[in-house]
Amino acid sequence: MTGRFKPARRNVAVWAAAVSVFFAGGCMTSAVRYGRPSYAGTTRQGKHWFDSVTANIRGPVEPDRLKKILNSYLGTPYQWGGMSKKGVDCSGLVCLVFRELYTIALPRSAADMVNLGSAVRPAETGAGDLLFFRWGFFGTVDHVGICTGKGRFVHASSKHGVIESSLNDEYYGSHLIAARRLFQ
């Protein structure tokens, strides 16, 4: 009788492993990991919580300052849930860069960030715009990067850490689902 149940246990183990790999896939589950933040344009510990209506971001980002901040993160290893130069995930990178750039706190998940600011056509993106990607089949945002201009963006790759990539790369271009501008 014991032999009859081994295949069932093995199927459960395979299913559990597949589910674990799916949820360990990156930013898609960050809302589950960190909860949905409350943000209302108030100050907390000297930082402004981001609200796309009341944000203190005026005018375009300074490309040279953004590039300097992003360059300081290039090569940082990928760490799921990471929020430092020792290791960072994609939404953590965006949070850290915008904290340094504007002294504001963005929502911690890419799924929450995609609702901020205003939509931008991919061809019209500029330095500081956020680019959102979907790798899976469930219609949710899985990944976020920061545009540096001319179709290039910096993001935290789970394989390579923080790198700069191009939207001209078919892989990234075919998975781009939204571009958002947080500043006027």
Protein backbone atom coordinates (compact mmCIF):
# COMPACT_ATOMS: atom_id res chain seq x y z
CA MET A 1 0.00 0.00 0.00
CA THR A 2 2.88 2.36 0.68
CA GLY A 3 3.98 2.11 -2.94
CA ARG A 4 0.63 3.45 -4.18
CA PHE A 5 1.05 6.75 -2.38
CA LYS A 6 4.62 7.56 -3.45
CA PRO A 7 3.63 8.99 -6.85
CA ALA A 8 1.06 11.23 -5.20
CA ARG A 9 3.63 12.52 -2.71
CA ARG A 10 6.10 13.12 -5.50
CA ASN A 11 3.46 15.07 -7.47
CA VAL A 12 2.74 17.20 -4.41
CA ALA A 13 6.47 17.85 -3.95
CA VAL A 14 6.87 18.81 -7.62
CA TRP A 15 3.81 21.08 -7.43
CA ALA A 16 5.08 22.72 -4.21
CA ALA A 17 8.51 23.29 -5.78
CA ALA A 18 6.92 24.85 -8.88
CA VAL A 19 4.79 27.18 -6.76
CA SER A 20 7.86 28.18 -4.70
CA VAL A 21 9.84 29.00 -7.84
CA PHE A 22 6.90 31.01 -9.20
CA PHE A 23 6.60 33.11 -6.04
CA ALA A 24 10.35 33.55 -5.72
CA GLY A 25 10.42 35.03 -9.21
CA GLY A 26 10.94 38.62 -8.21
CA CYS A 27 8.91 41.73 -7.80
CA MET A 28 5.53 40.29 -8.66
CA THR A 29 4.97 39.14 -5.10
CA SER A 30 6.47 42.14 -3.36
CA ALA A 31 3.02 43.41 -2.35
CA VAL A 32 2.52 40.11 -0.56
CA ARG A 33 5.99 40.21 1.03
CA TYR A 34 5.88 43.80 2.22
CA GLY A 35 2.19 44.64 2.36
CA ARG A 36 0.59 47.59 0.66
CA PRO A 37 2.06 50.83 1.99
CA SER A 38 -0.08 53.76 2.95
CA TYR A 39 1.09 56.95 1.30
CA ALA A 40 -0.65 60.26 1.57
CA GLY A 41 1.79 63.08 0.95
CA THR A 42 2.61 63.43 4.65
CA THR A 43 6.05 63.37 6.19
CA ARG A 44 7.38 60.48 8.17
CA GLN A 45 10.93 60.46 9.52
CA GLY A 46 11.78 63.45 7.32
CA LYS A 47 10.73 61.75 4.09
CA HIS A 48 7.69 62.54 1.96
CA TRP A 49 5.39 59.60 1.27
CA PHE A 50 4.61 59.67 -2.42
CA ASP A 51 1.17 60.58 -3.67
CA SER A 52 1.03 61.16 -7.42
CA VAL A 53 -1.38 64.06 -6.94
CA THR A 54 0.45 65.96 -4.19
CA ALA A 55 4.06 65.02 -4.88
CA ASN A 56 6.69 67.73 -4.56
CA ILE A 57 8.36 66.68 -7.80
CA ARG A 58 8.38 69.64 -10.13
CA GLY A 59 10.11 69.78 -13.48
CA PRO A 60 12.07 67.04 -15.21
CA VAL A 61 14.72 65.02 -13.45
CA GLU A 62 18.33 66.16 -13.77
CA PRO A 63 19.75 63.45 -16.09
CA ASP A 64 23.35 63.87 -14.88
CA ARG A 65 22.36 63.55 -11.22
CA LEU A 66 20.15 60.53 -11.98
CA LYS A 67 22.95 58.88 -13.98
CA LYS A 68 25.41 59.44 -11.11
CA ILE A 69 23.03 57.82 -8.62
CA LEU A 70 22.27 54.90 -10.95
CA ASN A 71 25.97 54.35 -11.69
CA SER A 72 26.60 53.97 -7.96
CA TYR A 73 24.25 50.94 -8.00
CA LEU A 74 25.57 49.26 -11.18
CA GLY A 75 26.96 45.84 -10.33
CA THR A 76 25.03 45.56 -7.06
CA PRO A 77 23.99 41.91 -6.68
CA TYR A 78 20.34 40.93 -6.93
CA GLN A 79 18.77 40.05 -3.60
CA TRP A 80 15.08 39.27 -3.35
CA GLY A 81 13.61 41.88 -0.99
CA GLY A 82 16.97 43.69 -0.79
CA MET A 83 17.15 47.41 -0.05
CA SER A 84 20.86 48.26 0.04
CA LYS A 85 24.02 48.30 -2.07
CA LYS A 86 24.78 44.85 -0.64
CA GLY A 87 21.78 43.49 -2.54
CA VAL A 88 18.61 44.86 -4.11
CA ASP A 89 15.60 43.73 -6.14
CA CYS A 90 14.01 45.77 -8.93
CA SER A 91 11.44 47.69 -6.89
CA GLY A 92 13.94 48.17 -4.07
CA LEU A 93 16.34 49.79 -6.54
CA VAL A 94 13.64 52.22 -7.70
CA CYS A 95 12.74 53.06 -4.08
CA LEU A 96 16.38 53.71 -3.15
CA VAL A 97 17.11 55.84 -6.22
CA PHE A 98 14.02 58.02 -5.79
CA ARG A 99 14.69 58.34 -2.07
CA GLU A 100 18.14 59.71 -2.90
CA LEU A 101 16.95 61.77 -5.86
CA TYR A 102 13.87 63.41 -4.33
CA THR A 103 13.84 62.41 -0.62
CA ILE A 104 10.51 60.65 -1.11
CA ALA A 105 9.35 57.14 -0.32
CA LEU A 106 7.68 55.26 -3.14
CA PRO A 107 5.50 52.19 -2.61
CA ARG A 108 7.70 49.12 -2.19
CA SER A 109 6.16 46.97 -4.93
CA ALA A 110 6.25 47.37 -8.70
CA ALA A 111 2.53 46.53 -8.78
CA ASP A 112 1.81 49.62 -6.65
CA MET A 113 4.26 51.85 -8.52
CA VAL A 114 2.54 51.27 -11.86
CA ASN A 115 -0.42 53.35 -10.65
CA LEU A 116 1.66 56.45 -9.88
CA GLY A 117 2.25 59.48 -12.08
CA SER A 118 1.01 59.69 -15.63
CA ALA A 119 1.28 57.33 -18.59
CA VAL A 120 3.98 57.97 -21.20
CA ARG A 121 4.34 56.37 -24.61
CA PRO A 122 7.46 54.19 -24.74
CA ALA A 123 8.87 56.26 -27.62
CA GLU A 124 8.52 59.41 -25.49
CA THR A 125 10.20 58.17 -22.32
CA GLY A 126 12.97 60.20 -20.78
CA ALA A 127 15.40 60.07 -17.89
CA GLY A 128 13.64 59.17 -14.65
CA ASP A 129 10.55 57.58 -16.16
CA LEU A 130 9.62 54.17 -14.78
CA LEU A 131 9.31 51.22 -17.16
CA PHE A 132 7.13 48.25 -16.18
CA PHE A 133 7.36 44.72 -17.51
CA ARG A 134 5.28 41.55 -17.35
CA TRP A 135 6.94 38.15 -17.73
CA GLY A 136 4.05 35.91 -16.63
CA PHE A 137 0.57 35.22 -17.89
CA PHE A 138 -1.47 36.76 -15.08
CA GLY A 139 -1.62 40.38 -16.22
CA THR A 140 0.32 41.74 -13.26
CA VAL A 141 3.48 43.81 -13.25
CA ASP A 142 6.52 41.64 -12.55
CA HIS A 143 9.45 44.04 -12.99
CA VAL A 144 10.34 47.75 -12.98
CA GLY A 145 13.32 49.75 -14.23
CA ILE A 146 14.33 53.41 -14.46
CA CYS A 147 14.73 54.96 -17.91
CA THR A 148 18.03 56.75 -18.52
CA GLY A 149 16.98 58.08 -21.93
CA LYS A 150 17.28 56.98 -25.56
CA GLY A 151 15.56 53.65 -24.92
CA ARG A 152 17.95 52.56 -22.17
CA PHE A 153 17.09 51.72 -18.58
CA VAL A 154 18.71 50.50 -15.36
CA HIS A 155 17.13 47.64 -13.43
CA ALA A 156 17.95 44.83 -11.02
CA SER A 157 18.19 41.61 -13.01
CA SER A 158 17.80 38.42 -10.99
CA LYS A 159 20.66 36.85 -13.00
CA HIS A 160 23.09 39.77 -13.35
CA GLY A 161 22.30 42.22 -10.55
CA VAL A 162 21.90 45.90 -11.36
CA ILE A 163 22.58 46.45 -15.05
CA GLU A 164 21.71 48.83 -17.86
CA SER A 165 19.68 47.37 -20.73
CA SER A 166 17.98 48.54 -23.91
CA LEU A 167 14.33 48.50 -24.93
CA ASN A 168 15.62 47.72 -28.42
CA ASP A 169 16.47 44.27 -27.07
CA GLU A 170 13.55 42.14 -28.27
CA TYR A 171 13.31 40.41 -24.88
CA TYR A 172 12.67 43.63 -22.97
CA GLY A 173 10.76 45.41 -25.73
CA SER A 174 8.25 42.56 -26.04
CA HIS A 175 7.55 42.47 -22.28
CA LEU A 176 7.17 46.21 -21.68
CA ILE A 177 3.58 46.94 -20.59
CA ALA A 178 3.70 50.51 -19.23
CA ALA A 179 5.83 53.61 -18.84
CA ARG A 180 5.00 56.17 -16.14
CA ARG A 181 6.31 59.67 -15.43
CA LEU A 182 6.30 60.76 -11.79
CA PHE A 183 7.26 64.39 -12.46
CA GLN A 184 5.71 67.20 -14.50
